[in-house]
C-alpha atoms as a PDB file:
ATOM      1  CA  MET A   1     257.481  82.669   4.399  1.00  0.00           C
ATOM      2  CA  ILE A   2     257.544  80.857   1.700  1.00  0.00           C
ATOM      3  CA  ARG A   3     256.371  82.285  -1.963  1.00  0.00           C
ATOM      4  CA  THR A   4     255.277  80.422  -4.996  1.00  0.00           C
ATOM      5  CA  ARG A   5     257.915  79.787  -7.649  1.00  0.00           C
ATOM      6  CA  PHE A   6     256.550  79.500 -11.294  1.00  0.00           C
ATOM      7  CA  ASN A   7     258.268  77.066 -13.811  1.00  0.00           C
ATOM      8  CA  LYS A   8     260.857  78.641 -15.536  1.00  0.00           C
ATOM      9  CA  PHE A   9     260.939  76.419 -19.129  1.00  0.00           C
ATOM     10  CA  ASP A  10     257.249  77.641 -19.375  1.00  0.00           C
ATOM     11  CA  PHE A  11     257.776  81.234 -18.941  1.00  0.00           C
ATOM     12  CA  VAL A  12     260.824  81.004 -21.129  1.00  0.00           C
ATOM     13  CA  ILE A  13     258.347  79.557 -24.216  1.00  0.00           C
ATOM     14  CA  PHE A  14     255.569  81.955 -22.859  1.00  0.00           C
ATOM     15  CA  THR A  15     257.968  85.634 -23.617  1.00  0.00           C
ATOM     16  CA  THR A  16     259.324  83.807 -26.243  1.00  0.00           C
ATOM     17  CA  GLY A  17     255.697  83.871 -28.027  1.00  0.00           C
ATOM     18  CA  MET A  18     255.348  87.355 -26.608  1.00  0.00           C
ATOM     19  CA  TYR A  19     258.016  88.633 -28.187  1.00  0.00           C
ATOM     20  CA  PHE A  20     257.481  87.245 -31.332  1.00  0.00           C
ATOM     21  CA  MET A  21     253.721  87.992 -31.724  1.00  0.00           C
ATOM     22  CA  ILE A  22     254.706  91.741 -30.966  1.00  0.00           C
ATOM     23  CA  ALA A  23     257.258  91.700 -33.609  1.00  0.00           C
ATOM     24  CA  ILE A  24     254.295  90.766 -36.028  1.00  0.00           C
ATOM     25  CA  ASN A  25     252.405  93.548 -34.768  1.00  0.00           C
ATOM     26  CA  ILE A  26     255.007  96.291 -34.744  1.00  0.00           C
ATOM     27  CA  TYR A  27     256.168  95.368 -38.430  1.00  0.00           C
ATOM     28  CA  CYS A  28     252.321  95.085 -39.905  1.00  0.00           C
ATOM     29  CA  ILE A  29     251.453  98.784 -38.327  1.00  0.00           C
ATOM     30  CA  ILE A  30     255.339 100.302 -39.336  1.00  0.00           C
ATOM     31  CA  SER A  31     254.101  99.230 -42.907  1.00  0.00           C
ATOM     32  CA  PHE A  32     250.834 100.578 -42.954  1.00  0.00           C
ATOM     33  CA  LEU A  33     252.089 103.588 -41.676  1.00  0.00           C
ATOM     34  CA  PHE A  34     254.701 104.987 -43.532  1.00  0.00           C
ATOM     35  CA  LYS A  35     253.319 102.781 -46.747  1.00  0.00           C
ATOM     36  CA  VAL A  36     256.314 100.151 -46.903  1.00  0.00           C
ATOM     37  CA  PRO A  37     254.983  97.150 -48.865  1.00  0.00           C
ATOM     38  CA  LEU A  38     254.699  94.156 -46.821  1.00  0.00           C
ATOM     39  CA  LEU A  39     256.845  90.820 -47.760  1.00  0.00           C
ATOM     40  CA  SER A  40     253.372  88.867 -48.756  1.00  0.00           C
ATOM     41  CA  ALA A  41     250.064  89.730 -49.070  1.00  0.00           C
ATOM     42  CA  ASN A  42     249.252  87.369 -46.544  1.00  0.00           C
ATOM     43  CA  ILE A  43     250.419  89.365 -43.722  1.00  0.00           C
ATOM     44  CA  LYS A  44     247.069  90.126 -42.238  1.00  0.00           C
ATOM     45  CA  ILE A  45     246.204  86.952 -41.170  1.00  0.00           C
ATOM     46  CA  PRO A  46     249.425  86.624 -39.127  1.00  0.00           C
ATOM     47  CA  PHE A  47     248.566  89.943 -37.496  1.00  0.00           C
ATOM     48  CA  ILE A  48     244.786  88.967 -36.825  1.00  0.00           C
ATOM     49  CA  ALA A  49     246.083  85.745 -35.224  1.00  0.00           C
ATOM     50  CA  SER A  50     249.149  87.472 -33.013  1.00  0.00           C
ATOM     51  CA  ALA A  51     246.732  90.293 -31.484  1.00  0.00           C
ATOM     52  CA  ILE A  52     244.300  87.738 -30.284  1.00  0.00           C
ATOM     53  CA  GLY A  53     247.482  85.967 -28.977  1.00  0.00           C
ATOM     54  CA  ILE A  54     248.692  89.167 -27.461  1.00  0.00           C
ATOM     55  CA  ILE A  55     245.259  89.586 -25.671  1.00  0.00           C
ATOM     56  CA  MET A  56     244.771  85.710 -24.683  1.00  0.00           C
ATOM     57  CA  MET A  57     248.281  86.331 -23.263  1.00  0.00           C
ATOM     58  CA  GLY A  58     247.678  89.513 -21.449  1.00  0.00           C
ATOM     59  CA  PHE A  59     244.460  87.887 -19.562  1.00  0.00           C
ATOM     60  CA  ILE A  60     246.812  85.084 -18.544  1.00  0.00           C
ATOM     61  CA  ILE A  61     249.649  87.586 -17.318  1.00  0.00           C
ATOM     62  CA  TYR A  62     246.856  89.586 -15.181  1.00  0.00           C
ATOM     63  CA  LYS A  63     245.292  86.104 -13.739  1.00  0.00           C
ATOM     64  CA  ILE A  64     249.039  85.630 -12.189  1.00  0.00           C
ATOM     65  CA  GLN A  65     249.279  85.697  -8.913  1.00  0.00           C
ATOM     66  CA  ILE A  66     252.340  85.162  -6.194  1.00  0.00           C
ATOM     67  CA  VAL A  67     251.650  83.606  -2.894  1.00  0.00           C
ATOM     68  CA  TYR A  68     253.161  84.395   0.481  1.00  0.00           C
ATOM     69  CA  ILE A  69     252.257  82.035   3.403  1.00  0.00           C
ATOM     70  CA  ASP A  70     253.865  83.116   6.764  1.00  0.00           C
ATOM     71  CA  THR A  71     253.688  80.334   8.863  1.00  0.00           C
ATOM     72  CA  ILE A  72     254.878  83.079  12.114  1.00  0.00           C
ATOM     73  CA  ASN A  73     252.513  85.545  11.482  1.00  0.00           C
ATOM     74  CA  LYS A  74     250.185  82.995  10.128  1.00  0.00           C
ATOM     75  CA  MET A  75     248.863  84.738   7.052  1.00  0.00           C
ATOM     76  CA  ILE A  76     248.291  83.979   3.510  1.00  0.00           C
ATOM     77  CA  ILE A  77     249.281  87.123   1.224  1.00  0.00           C
ATOM     78  CA  VAL A  78     248.201  86.643  -2.385  1.00  0.00           C
ATOM     79  CA  LYS A  79     249.742  89.439  -4.771  1.00  0.00           C
ATOM     80  CA  ARG A  80     248.969  89.845  -8.302  1.00  0.00           C
ATOM     81  CA  PHE A  81     251.796  89.956 -10.820  1.00  0.00           C
ATOM     82  CA  ILE A  82     250.427  93.143 -12.912  1.00  0.00           C
ATOM     83  CA  THR A  83     248.231  94.939 -10.825  1.00  0.00           C
ATOM     84  CA  LYS A  84     250.437  94.896  -7.778  1.00  0.00           C
ATOM     85  CA  LYS A  85     247.224  94.176  -5.607  1.00  0.00           C
ATOM     86  CA  THR A  86     247.881  92.603  -2.348  1.00  0.00           C
ATOM     87  CA  THR A  87     245.154  90.772  -0.353  1.00  0.00           C
ATOM     88  CA  ILE A  88     245.884  89.438   3.048  1.00  0.00           C
ATOM     89  CA  TYR A  89     244.010  86.519   4.725  1.00  0.00           C
ATOM     90  CA  ARG A  90     244.448  85.461   8.250  1.00  0.00           C
ATOM     91  CA  PHE A  91     244.786  81.754   8.886  1.00  0.00           C
ATOM     92  CA  ASN A  92     241.945  82.158  11.160  1.00  0.00           C
ATOM     93  CA  GLU A  93     239.736  83.925   8.668  1.00  0.00           C
ATOM     94  CA  VAL A  94     239.633  80.889   6.619  1.00  0.00           C
ATOM     95  CA  ASP A  95     238.129  77.615   6.391  1.00  0.00           C
ATOM     96  CA  GLY A  96     241.010  75.856   5.187  1.00  0.00           C
ATOM     97  CA  PHE A  97     242.006  74.014   2.313  1.00  0.00           C
ATOM     98  CA  TYR A  98     241.348  70.815   0.293  1.00  0.00           C
ATOM     99  CA  ASP A  99     242.647  69.092  -2.607  1.00  0.00           C
ATOM    100  CA  VAL A 100     241.929  69.576  -6.358  1.00  0.00           C
ATOM    101  CA  ALA A 101     242.277  67.733  -9.384  1.00  0.00           C
ATOM    102  CA  ILE A 102     242.800  70.370 -12.204  1.00  0.00           C
ATOM    103  CA  THR A 103     243.024  69.512 -16.109  1.00  0.00           C
ATOM    104  CA  HIS A 104     244.668  71.852 -18.514  1.00  0.00           C
ATOM    105  CA  THR A 105     243.098  70.135 -21.391  1.00  0.00           C
ATOM    106  CA  THR A 106     239.912  69.546 -22.969  1.00  0.00           C
ATOM    107  CA  ARG A 107     239.655  65.886 -23.442  1.00  0.00           C
ATOM    108  CA  ARG A 108     240.794  65.733 -19.718  1.00  0.00           C
ATOM    109  CA  ILE A 109     243.718  63.086 -19.990  1.00  0.00           C
ATOM    110  CA  TYR A 110     246.020  65.330 -17.934  1.00  0.00           C
ATOM    111  CA  TYR A 111     245.279  65.924 -14.631  1.00  0.00           C
ATOM    112  CA  SER A 112     247.748  68.094 -12.131  1.00  0.00           C
ATOM    113  CA  LYS A 113     247.426  68.286  -8.271  1.00  0.00           C
ATOM    114  CA  ALA A 114     246.206  72.040  -6.861  1.00  0.00           C
ATOM    115  CA  ILE A 115     245.271  73.374  -3.467  1.00  0.00           C
ATOM    116  CA  ALA A 116     242.354  75.005  -2.690  1.00  0.00           C
ATOM    117  CA  ILE A 117     242.107  77.434  -0.332  1.00  0.00           C
ATOM    118  CA  THR A 118     238.942  78.333   0.793  1.00  0.00           C
ATOM    119  CA  LYS A 119     236.991  80.996   3.021  1.00  0.00           C
ATOM    120  CA  ASN A 120     233.075  81.275   2.999  1.00  0.00           C
ATOM    121  CA  LYS A 121     233.060  78.125   1.184  1.00  0.00           C
ATOM    122  CA  LYS A 122     234.596  79.869  -1.404  1.00  0.00           C
ATOM    123  CA  ILE A 123     237.700  79.285  -3.412  1.00  0.00           C
ATOM    124  CA  ILE A 124     239.775  82.655  -2.609  1.00  0.00           C
ATOM    125  CA  VAL A 125     243.132  80.904  -3.675  1.00  0.00           C
ATOM    126  CA  LEU A 126     244.303  78.016  -6.548  1.00  0.00           C
ATOM    127  CA  ILE A 127     247.884  76.729  -6.255  1.00  0.00           C
ATOM    128  CA  ASP A 128     248.354  74.290  -9.344  1.00  0.00           C
ATOM    129  CA  SER A 129     251.260  72.177  -9.264  1.00  0.00           C
ATOM    130  CA  HIS A 130     251.549  72.486 -13.192  1.00  0.00           C
ATOM    131  CA  TYR A 131     252.247  76.352 -12.783  1.00  0.00           C
ATOM    132  CA  CYS A 132     254.419  76.276  -9.083  1.00  0.00           C
ATOM    133  CA  SER A 133     257.519  74.636  -8.808  1.00  0.00           C
ATOM    134  CA  ASN A 134     257.915  74.205  -5.273  1.00  0.00           C
ATOM    135  CA  TYR A 135     254.149  72.765  -4.722  1.00  0.00           C
ATOM    136  CA  LYS A 136     255.060  70.500  -2.188  1.00  0.00           C
ATOM    137  CA  GLU A 137     256.729  73.063  -0.024  1.00  0.00           C
ATOM    138  CA  ILE A 138     253.674  75.229  -0.149  1.00  0.00           C
ATOM    139  CA  ARG A 139     251.543  72.055   0.967  1.00  0.00           C
ATOM    140  CA  GLU A 140     253.756  71.325   3.623  1.00  0.00           C
ATOM    141  CA  ASN A 141     253.638  74.765   5.265  1.00  0.00           C
ATOM    142  CA  LEU A 142     249.896  74.738   5.254  1.00  0.00           C
ATOM    143  CA  TYR A 143     250.035  72.272   8.281  1.00  0.00           C
ATOM    144  CA  ASN A 144     247.955  75.083  10.555  1.00  0.00           C
ATOM    145  CA  LEU A 145     244.900  75.185   7.992  1.00  0.00           C
ATOM    146  CA  ASN A 146     241.858  72.763   8.619  1.00  0.00           C
ATOM    147  CA  TYR A 147     242.118  70.150   6.010  1.00  0.00           C
ATOM    148  CA  LEU A 148     239.035  69.459   3.972  1.00  0.00           C
ATOM    149  CA  GLY A 149     239.407  66.389   2.455  1.00  0.00           C
ATOM    150  CA  ALA A 150     239.550  65.677  -1.651  1.00  0.00           C
ATOM    151  CA  ASP A 151     237.606  66.955  -4.625  1.00  0.00           C
ATOM    152  CA  LYS A 152     236.097  63.798  -6.060  1.00  0.00           C
ATOM    153  CA  ASN A 153     238.530  64.450  -9.252  1.00  0.00           C
ATOM    154  CA  TRP A 154     241.411  63.814  -6.776  1.00  0.00           C
ATOM    155  CA  ILE A 155     239.963  60.401  -5.408  1.00  0.00           C
ATOM    156  CA  LYS A 156     239.306  59.148  -9.082  1.00  0.00           C
ATOM    157  CA  ASN A 157     242.452  60.104 -10.637  1.00  0.00           C
ATOM    158  CA  ASN A 158     244.536  58.381  -7.446  1.00  0.00           C
ATOM    159  CA  PHE A 159     247.438  60.704  -7.685  1.00  0.00           C
END
């Protein structure tokens, strides 16, 4: 059984930003509750920005999924990071997989490789090489699934 591993550097930056934003919010809440004067009068802007950042990061963490590929039992197990909800797909239930190019910027300069696993012509699992450090190993273990081809962006960018 193989599982997706996430890039550690991205995770360190992510958690550092979360702790910084949480610290700003706790400082503002404590100063408001105990009527302690703030260090600066313009603390409302960082407070609002960090609150929005925490909400956005919460959505990102909610979307994180860990994918297990069991080649012996021929199944794909998808586990949500926060809710721990587990979904199991058998190899004979899914249509197959295809290669996709995903952009992480609005200018579409940088594309990353991804694997899209489909069921009933809908993507059920998307494994992105930008977030997954063992992308090649996972792709090699999907040899029992049907290969459905590549997305048009994949062909256009010629990885």
